[in-house]
Amino acid sequence: MESDIEVSSPEDVVHRYKKLVRMYRRTRSIPEICRAFDLDRNTIAGTTVIGDVLIAGEGGDFGELPIIPEKQSLASFAKVCKAFLDANPTLKEKVDKMRKANELLTITYKLHK
């Protein structure tokens, strides 16, 4: 496989994230995913919270999901998503359940200050 998806929007992040999850279900290996998609682990970890919030929050009653303002970087948006997740225990619980069911990646968020 190759890293065929350049991410520049939350939708791109979710699209790539879903591909990574499909492979993770088969391999159960983050390092293998990194090699297969030619991605650094920190690249995945830096955007995982965006995928978690947008995927787990889809169709749920968790309040209005974060929307990225024009010209905001994905790194800044990841911090907004992390704050949203931390402030919403019901969504956080759903993310944890989805991780245990291998519906989301089991990777720790790495957000730069």
N, C-alpha and C. Protein backbone atom coordinates (compact mmCIF):
# COMPACT_ATOMS: atom_id res chain seq x y z
N MET A 1 0.85 -1.18 0.00
CA MET A 1 0.00 0.00 0.00
C MET A 1 0.89 1.23 0.00
N GLU A 2 0.27 2.33 -0.19
CA GLU A 2 1.02 3.58 -0.17
C GLU A 2 0.19 4.66 0.49
N SER A 3 0.86 5.70 0.89
CA SER A 3 0.17 6.83 1.48
C SER A 3 -0.41 7.68 0.35
N ASP A 4 -1.54 7.25 -0.18
CA ASP A 4 -2.12 7.91 -1.34
C ASP A 4 -3.03 9.07 -0.95
N ILE A 5 -3.14 9.32 0.31
CA ILE A 5 -4.07 10.34 0.76
C ILE A 5 -3.32 11.45 1.48
N GLU A 6 -3.23 12.59 0.83
CA GLU A 6 -2.70 13.77 1.49
C GLU A 6 -3.86 14.36 2.27
N VAL A 7 -3.66 14.60 3.53
CA VAL A 7 -4.75 15.13 4.34
C VAL A 7 -4.60 16.63 4.52
N SER A 8 -5.67 17.34 4.21
CA SER A 8 -5.66 18.79 4.37
C SER A 8 -6.97 19.27 4.99
N SER A 9 -7.87 18.33 5.26
CA SER A 9 -9.15 18.69 5.86
C SER A 9 -9.58 17.56 6.81
N PRO A 10 -10.50 17.85 7.72
CA PRO A 10 -11.00 16.79 8.60
C PRO A 10 -11.61 15.62 7.82
N GLU A 11 -12.24 15.91 6.69
CA GLU A 11 -12.82 14.84 5.87
C GLU A 11 -11.72 13.91 5.35
N ASP A 12 -10.59 14.50 4.95
CA ASP A 12 -9.45 13.70 4.50
C ASP A 12 -8.91 12.83 5.64
N VAL A 13 -8.87 13.43 6.83
CA VAL A 13 -8.39 12.69 8.01
C VAL A 13 -9.28 11.48 8.25
N VAL A 14 -10.59 11.68 8.22
CA VAL A 14 -11.54 10.59 8.46
C VAL A 14 -11.41 9.52 7.38
N HIS A 15 -11.26 9.94 6.14
CA HIS A 15 -11.11 8.99 5.04
C HIS A 15 -9.87 8.11 5.24
N ARG A 16 -8.73 8.75 5.56
CA ARG A 16 -7.50 7.99 5.79
C ARG A 16 -7.64 7.12 7.03
N TYR A 17 -8.25 7.67 8.08
CA TYR A 17 -8.41 6.95 9.33
C TYR A 17 -9.20 5.66 9.12
N LYS A 18 -10.25 5.74 8.33
CA LYS A 18 -11.05 4.54 8.07
C LYS A 18 -10.24 3.48 7.34
N LYS A 19 -9.36 3.90 6.43
CA LYS A 19 -8.47 2.94 5.76
C LYS A 19 -7.52 2.29 6.76
N LEU A 20 -6.98 3.11 7.65
CA LEU A 20 -6.05 2.59 8.66
C LEU A 20 -6.76 1.60 9.58
N VAL A 21 -7.99 1.89 9.96
CA VAL A 21 -8.76 1.00 10.84
C VAL A 21 -9.02 -0.34 10.15
N ARG A 22 -9.35 -0.30 8.85
CA ARG A 22 -9.58 -1.57 8.14
C ARG A 22 -8.33 -2.45 8.19
N MET A 23 -7.17 -1.86 7.99
CA MET A 23 -5.95 -2.65 8.05
C MET A 23 -5.65 -3.08 9.48
N TYR A 24 -5.93 -2.21 10.44
CA TYR A 24 -5.68 -2.54 11.84
C TYR A 24 -6.50 -3.75 12.28
N ARG A 25 -7.72 -3.84 11.79
CA ARG A 25 -8.56 -5.00 12.13
C ARG A 25 -7.91 -6.30 11.68
N ARG A 26 -7.21 -6.25 10.55
CA ARG A 26 -6.55 -7.46 10.04
C ARG A 26 -5.24 -7.75 10.75
N THR A 27 -4.45 -6.71 11.03
CA THR A 27 -3.08 -6.91 11.51
C THR A 27 -2.91 -6.74 13.01
N ARG A 28 -3.75 -5.92 13.64
CA ARG A 28 -3.62 -5.56 15.05
C ARG A 28 -2.24 -4.97 15.36
N SER A 29 -1.66 -4.28 14.37
CA SER A 29 -0.31 -3.76 14.51
C SER A 29 -0.19 -2.34 13.96
N ILE A 30 0.00 -1.38 14.85
CA ILE A 30 0.21 0.01 14.43
C ILE A 30 1.52 0.14 13.63
N PRO A 31 2.63 -0.47 14.07
CA PRO A 31 3.86 -0.36 13.27
C PRO A 31 3.69 -0.90 11.84
N GLU A 32 2.94 -1.97 11.69
CA GLU A 32 2.71 -2.52 10.35
C GLU A 32 1.89 -1.55 9.50
N ILE A 33 0.92 -0.90 10.10
CA ILE A 33 0.12 0.09 9.38
C ILE A 33 1.03 1.25 8.94
N CYS A 34 1.89 1.70 9.84
CA CYS A 34 2.81 2.80 9.51
C CYS A 34 3.67 2.44 8.31
N ARG A 35 4.19 1.25 8.29
CA ARG A 35 5.02 0.81 7.15
C ARG A 35 4.19 0.70 5.87
N ALA A 36 3.03 0.10 5.97
CA ALA A 36 2.20 -0.14 4.78
C ALA A 36 1.74 1.17 4.14
N PHE A 37 1.44 2.17 4.96
CA PHE A 37 0.95 3.44 4.43
C PHE A 37 2.05 4.49 4.35
N ASP A 38 3.28 4.09 4.70
CA ASP A 38 4.42 5.01 4.67
C ASP A 38 4.11 6.27 5.48
N LEU A 39 3.64 6.04 6.71
CA LEU A 39 3.31 7.14 7.61
C LEU A 39 4.09 6.99 8.91
N ASP A 40 4.47 8.10 9.47
CA ASP A 40 5.11 8.12 10.77
C ASP A 40 4.05 7.93 11.84
N ARG A 41 4.39 7.22 12.90
CA ARG A 41 3.43 6.99 13.99
C ARG A 41 2.91 8.31 14.55
N ASN A 42 3.77 9.31 14.66
CA ASN A 42 3.36 10.61 15.20
C ASN A 42 2.37 11.31 14.27
N THR A 43 2.48 11.09 12.99
CA THR A 43 1.52 11.66 12.04
C THR A 43 0.14 11.09 12.30
N ILE A 44 0.08 9.79 12.51
CA ILE A 44 -1.20 9.15 12.82
C ILE A 44 -1.70 9.62 14.18
N ALA A 45 -0.83 9.62 15.17
CA ALA A 45 -1.23 10.00 16.52
C ALA A 45 -1.70 11.44 16.59
N GLY A 46 -1.15 12.31 15.76
CA GLY A 46 -1.52 13.72 15.78
C GLY A 46 -2.91 14.00 15.24
N THR A 47 -3.43 13.09 14.44
CA THR A 47 -4.76 13.32 13.85
C THR A 47 -5.81 12.30 14.31
N THR A 48 -5.40 11.35 15.10
CA THR A 48 -6.33 10.30 15.55
C THR A 48 -7.54 10.87 16.29
N VAL A 49 -7.32 11.87 17.12
CA VAL A 49 -8.43 12.44 17.89
C VAL A 49 -9.49 13.03 16.96
N ILE A 50 -9.08 13.56 15.82
CA ILE A 50 -10.06 14.09 14.86
C ILE A 50 -10.94 12.95 14.35
N GLY A 51 -10.31 11.86 13.94
CA GLY A 51 -11.07 10.70 13.47
C GLY A 51 -11.97 10.13 14.55
N ASP A 52 -11.44 10.01 15.77
CA ASP A 52 -12.23 9.47 16.87
C ASP A 52 -13.49 10.28 17.11
N VAL A 53 -13.34 11.60 17.20
CA VAL A 53 -14.48 12.46 17.50
C VAL A 53 -15.49 12.45 16.36
N LEU A 54 -15.01 12.60 15.14
CA LEU A 54 -15.93 12.69 14.01
C LEU A 54 -16.61 11.37 13.68
N ILE A 55 -15.91 10.25 13.86
CA ILE A 55 -16.51 8.95 13.58
C ILE A 55 -17.44 8.53 14.72
N ALA A 56 -16.94 8.59 15.96
CA ALA A 56 -17.76 8.16 17.10
C ALA A 56 -18.94 9.09 17.33
N GLY A 57 -18.76 10.36 17.01
CA GLY A 57 -19.81 11.34 17.25
C GLY A 57 -20.88 11.37 16.18
N GLU A 58 -20.62 10.70 15.07
CA GLU A 58 -21.55 10.69 13.94
C GLU A 58 -22.90 10.11 14.35
N GLY A 59 -23.95 10.89 14.15
CA GLY A 59 -25.30 10.40 14.41
C GLY A 59 -25.66 10.29 15.88
N GLY A 60 -24.77 10.71 16.76
CA GLY A 60 -25.06 10.62 18.19
C GLY A 60 -25.57 11.94 18.73
N ASP A 61 -25.98 11.90 19.97
CA ASP A 61 -26.48 13.10 20.64
C ASP A 61 -25.41 13.62 21.59
N PHE A 62 -24.33 14.11 21.03
CA PHE A 62 -23.19 14.57 21.82
C PHE A 62 -23.01 16.08 21.74
N GLY A 63 -24.00 16.76 21.24
CA GLY A 63 -23.87 18.19 21.00
C GLY A 63 -23.33 18.40 19.60
N GLU A 64 -23.17 19.65 19.25
CA GLU A 64 -22.66 19.95 17.92
C GLU A 64 -21.18 19.61 17.85
N LEU A 65 -20.83 18.76 16.90
CA LEU A 65 -19.43 18.36 16.74
C LEU A 65 -18.60 19.54 16.28
N PRO A 66 -17.32 19.56 16.64
CA PRO A 66 -16.45 20.67 16.22
C PRO A 66 -16.39 20.79 14.70
N ILE A 67 -16.33 22.02 14.24
CA ILE A 67 -16.17 22.32 12.81
C ILE A 67 -14.90 23.13 12.68
N ILE A 68 -14.11 22.81 11.68
CA ILE A 68 -12.84 23.51 11.51
C ILE A 68 -13.08 24.86 10.84
N PRO A 69 -12.64 25.92 11.50
CA PRO A 69 -12.76 27.24 10.87
C PRO A 69 -11.81 27.34 9.67
N GLU A 70 -12.15 28.21 8.76
CA GLU A 70 -11.31 28.41 7.59
C GLU A 70 -9.90 28.82 8.04
N LYS A 71 -8.92 28.26 7.39
CA LYS A 71 -7.50 28.56 7.61
C LYS A 71 -6.95 28.05 8.94
N GLN A 72 -7.70 27.23 9.67
CA GLN A 72 -7.16 26.63 10.89
C GLN A 72 -6.39 25.38 10.50
N SER A 73 -5.27 25.15 11.13
CA SER A 73 -4.47 23.96 10.81
C SER A 73 -5.12 22.72 11.42
N LEU A 74 -4.77 21.56 10.87
CA LEU A 74 -5.30 20.31 11.42
C LEU A 74 -4.78 20.09 12.84
N ALA A 75 -3.54 20.53 13.11
CA ALA A 75 -2.99 20.39 14.47
C ALA A 75 -3.82 21.19 15.47
N SER A 76 -4.20 22.40 15.11
CA SER A 76 -5.05 23.22 15.99
C SER A 76 -6.43 22.59 16.13
N PHE A 77 -6.96 22.08 15.03
CA PHE A 77 -8.27 21.44 15.07
C PHE A 77 -8.23 20.18 15.94
N ALA A 78 -7.12 19.46 15.92
CA ALA A 78 -6.98 18.27 16.77
C ALA A 78 -7.10 18.67 18.24
N LYS A 79 -6.54 19.80 18.62
CA LYS A 79 -6.64 20.28 20.01
C LYS A 79 -8.08 20.62 20.36
N VAL A 80 -8.80 21.21 19.41
CA VAL A 80 -10.23 21.52 19.62
C VAL A 80 -11.01 20.21 19.82
N CYS A 81 -10.72 19.22 19.00
CA CYS A 81 -11.40 17.92 19.11
C CYS A 81 -11.07 17.25 20.44
N LYS A 82 -9.83 17.35 20.89
CA LYS A 82 -9.42 16.75 22.17
C LYS A 82 -10.17 17.41 23.31
N ALA A 83 -10.27 18.75 23.28
CA ALA A 83 -11.00 19.46 24.32
C ALA A 83 -12.49 19.07 24.30
N PHE A 84 -13.05 18.92 23.10
CA PHE A 84 -14.45 18.51 22.95
C PHE A 84 -14.65 17.11 23.55
N LEU A 85 -13.73 16.21 23.25
CA LEU A 85 -13.82 14.85 23.77
C LEU A 85 -13.69 14.83 25.29
N ASP A 86 -12.73 15.59 25.82
CA ASP A 86 -12.53 15.64 27.27
C ASP A 86 -13.75 16.21 27.99
N ALA A 87 -14.46 17.12 27.34
CA ALA A 87 -15.63 17.75 27.96
C ALA A 87 -16.91 16.94 27.77
N ASN A 88 -16.82 15.82 27.05
CA ASN A 88 -18.00 15.04 26.75
C ASN A 88 -17.79 13.58 27.17
N PRO A 89 -18.04 13.25 28.44
CA PRO A 89 -17.76 11.89 28.94
C PRO A 89 -18.53 10.79 28.21
N THR A 90 -19.73 11.10 27.72
CA THR A 90 -20.50 10.09 27.00
C THR A 90 -19.81 9.72 25.69
N LEU A 91 -19.32 10.73 24.99
CA LEU A 91 -18.59 10.48 23.74
C LEU A 91 -17.28 9.75 24.03
N LYS A 92 -16.61 10.16 25.08
CA LYS A 92 -15.34 9.51 25.46
C LYS A 92 -15.57 8.02 25.75
N GLU A 93 -16.66 7.72 26.42
CA GLU A 93 -17.01 6.33 26.71
C GLU A 93 -17.28 5.56 25.41
N LYS A 94 -17.97 6.19 24.47
CA LYS A 94 -18.25 5.54 23.19
C LYS A 94 -16.94 5.28 22.43
N VAL A 95 -16.02 6.24 22.45
CA VAL A 95 -14.72 6.06 21.80
C VAL A 95 -14.00 4.86 22.43
N ASP A 96 -14.00 4.79 23.75
CA ASP A 96 -13.34 3.66 24.43
C ASP A 96 -13.96 2.32 24.03
N LYS A 97 -15.28 2.27 23.95
CA LYS A 97 -15.97 1.04 23.55
C LYS A 97 -15.61 0.67 22.10
N MET A 98 -15.58 1.68 21.23
CA MET A 98 -15.26 1.42 19.83
C MET A 98 -13.81 0.95 19.69
N ARG A 99 -12.92 1.47 20.51
CA ARG A 99 -11.52 1.01 20.48
C ARG A 99 -11.44 -0.46 20.89
N LYS A 100 -12.15 -0.81 21.96
CA LYS A 100 -12.13 -2.20 22.43
C LYS A 100 -12.70 -3.14 21.39
N ALA A 101 -13.64 -2.66 20.57
CA ALA A 101 -14.25 -3.47 19.51
C ALA A 101 -13.45 -3.38 18.20
N ASN A 102 -12.27 -2.74 18.25
CA ASN A 102 -11.40 -2.56 17.08
C ASN A 102 -12.08 -1.79 15.96
N GLU A 103 -12.96 -0.87 16.33
CA GLU A 103 -13.60 0.00 15.36
C GLU A 103 -12.85 1.32 15.23
N LEU A 104 -11.94 1.57 16.17
CA LEU A 104 -11.07 2.75 16.16
C LEU A 104 -9.66 2.29 16.49
N LEU A 105 -8.68 3.09 16.14
CA LEU A 105 -7.29 2.75 16.41
C LEU A 105 -6.98 2.87 17.90
N THR A 106 -6.13 2.00 18.37
CA THR A 106 -5.70 2.06 19.76
C THR A 106 -4.33 2.73 19.81
N ILE A 107 -4.33 4.01 19.58
CA ILE A 107 -3.09 4.78 19.57
C ILE A 107 -3.31 6.02 20.45
N THR A 108 -2.29 6.38 21.19
CA THR A 108 -2.39 7.53 22.08
C THR A 108 -2.25 8.82 21.30
N TYR A 109 -3.05 9.79 21.66
CA TYR A 109 -2.99 11.09 21.01
C TYR A 109 -1.66 11.76 21.33
N LYS A 110 -1.08 12.38 20.33
CA LYS A 110 0.15 13.14 20.52
C LYS A 110 -0.08 14.52 19.94
N LEU A 111 -0.42 15.45 20.81
CA LEU A 111 -0.71 16.80 20.34
C LEU A 111 0.44 17.71 20.77
N HIS A 112 0.94 18.46 19.82
CA HIS A 112 2.04 19.39 20.11
C HIS A 112 1.49 20.65 20.74
N LYS A 113 2.26 21.21 21.64
CA LYS A 113 1.82 22.41 22.36
C LYS A 113 1.96 23.64 21.52
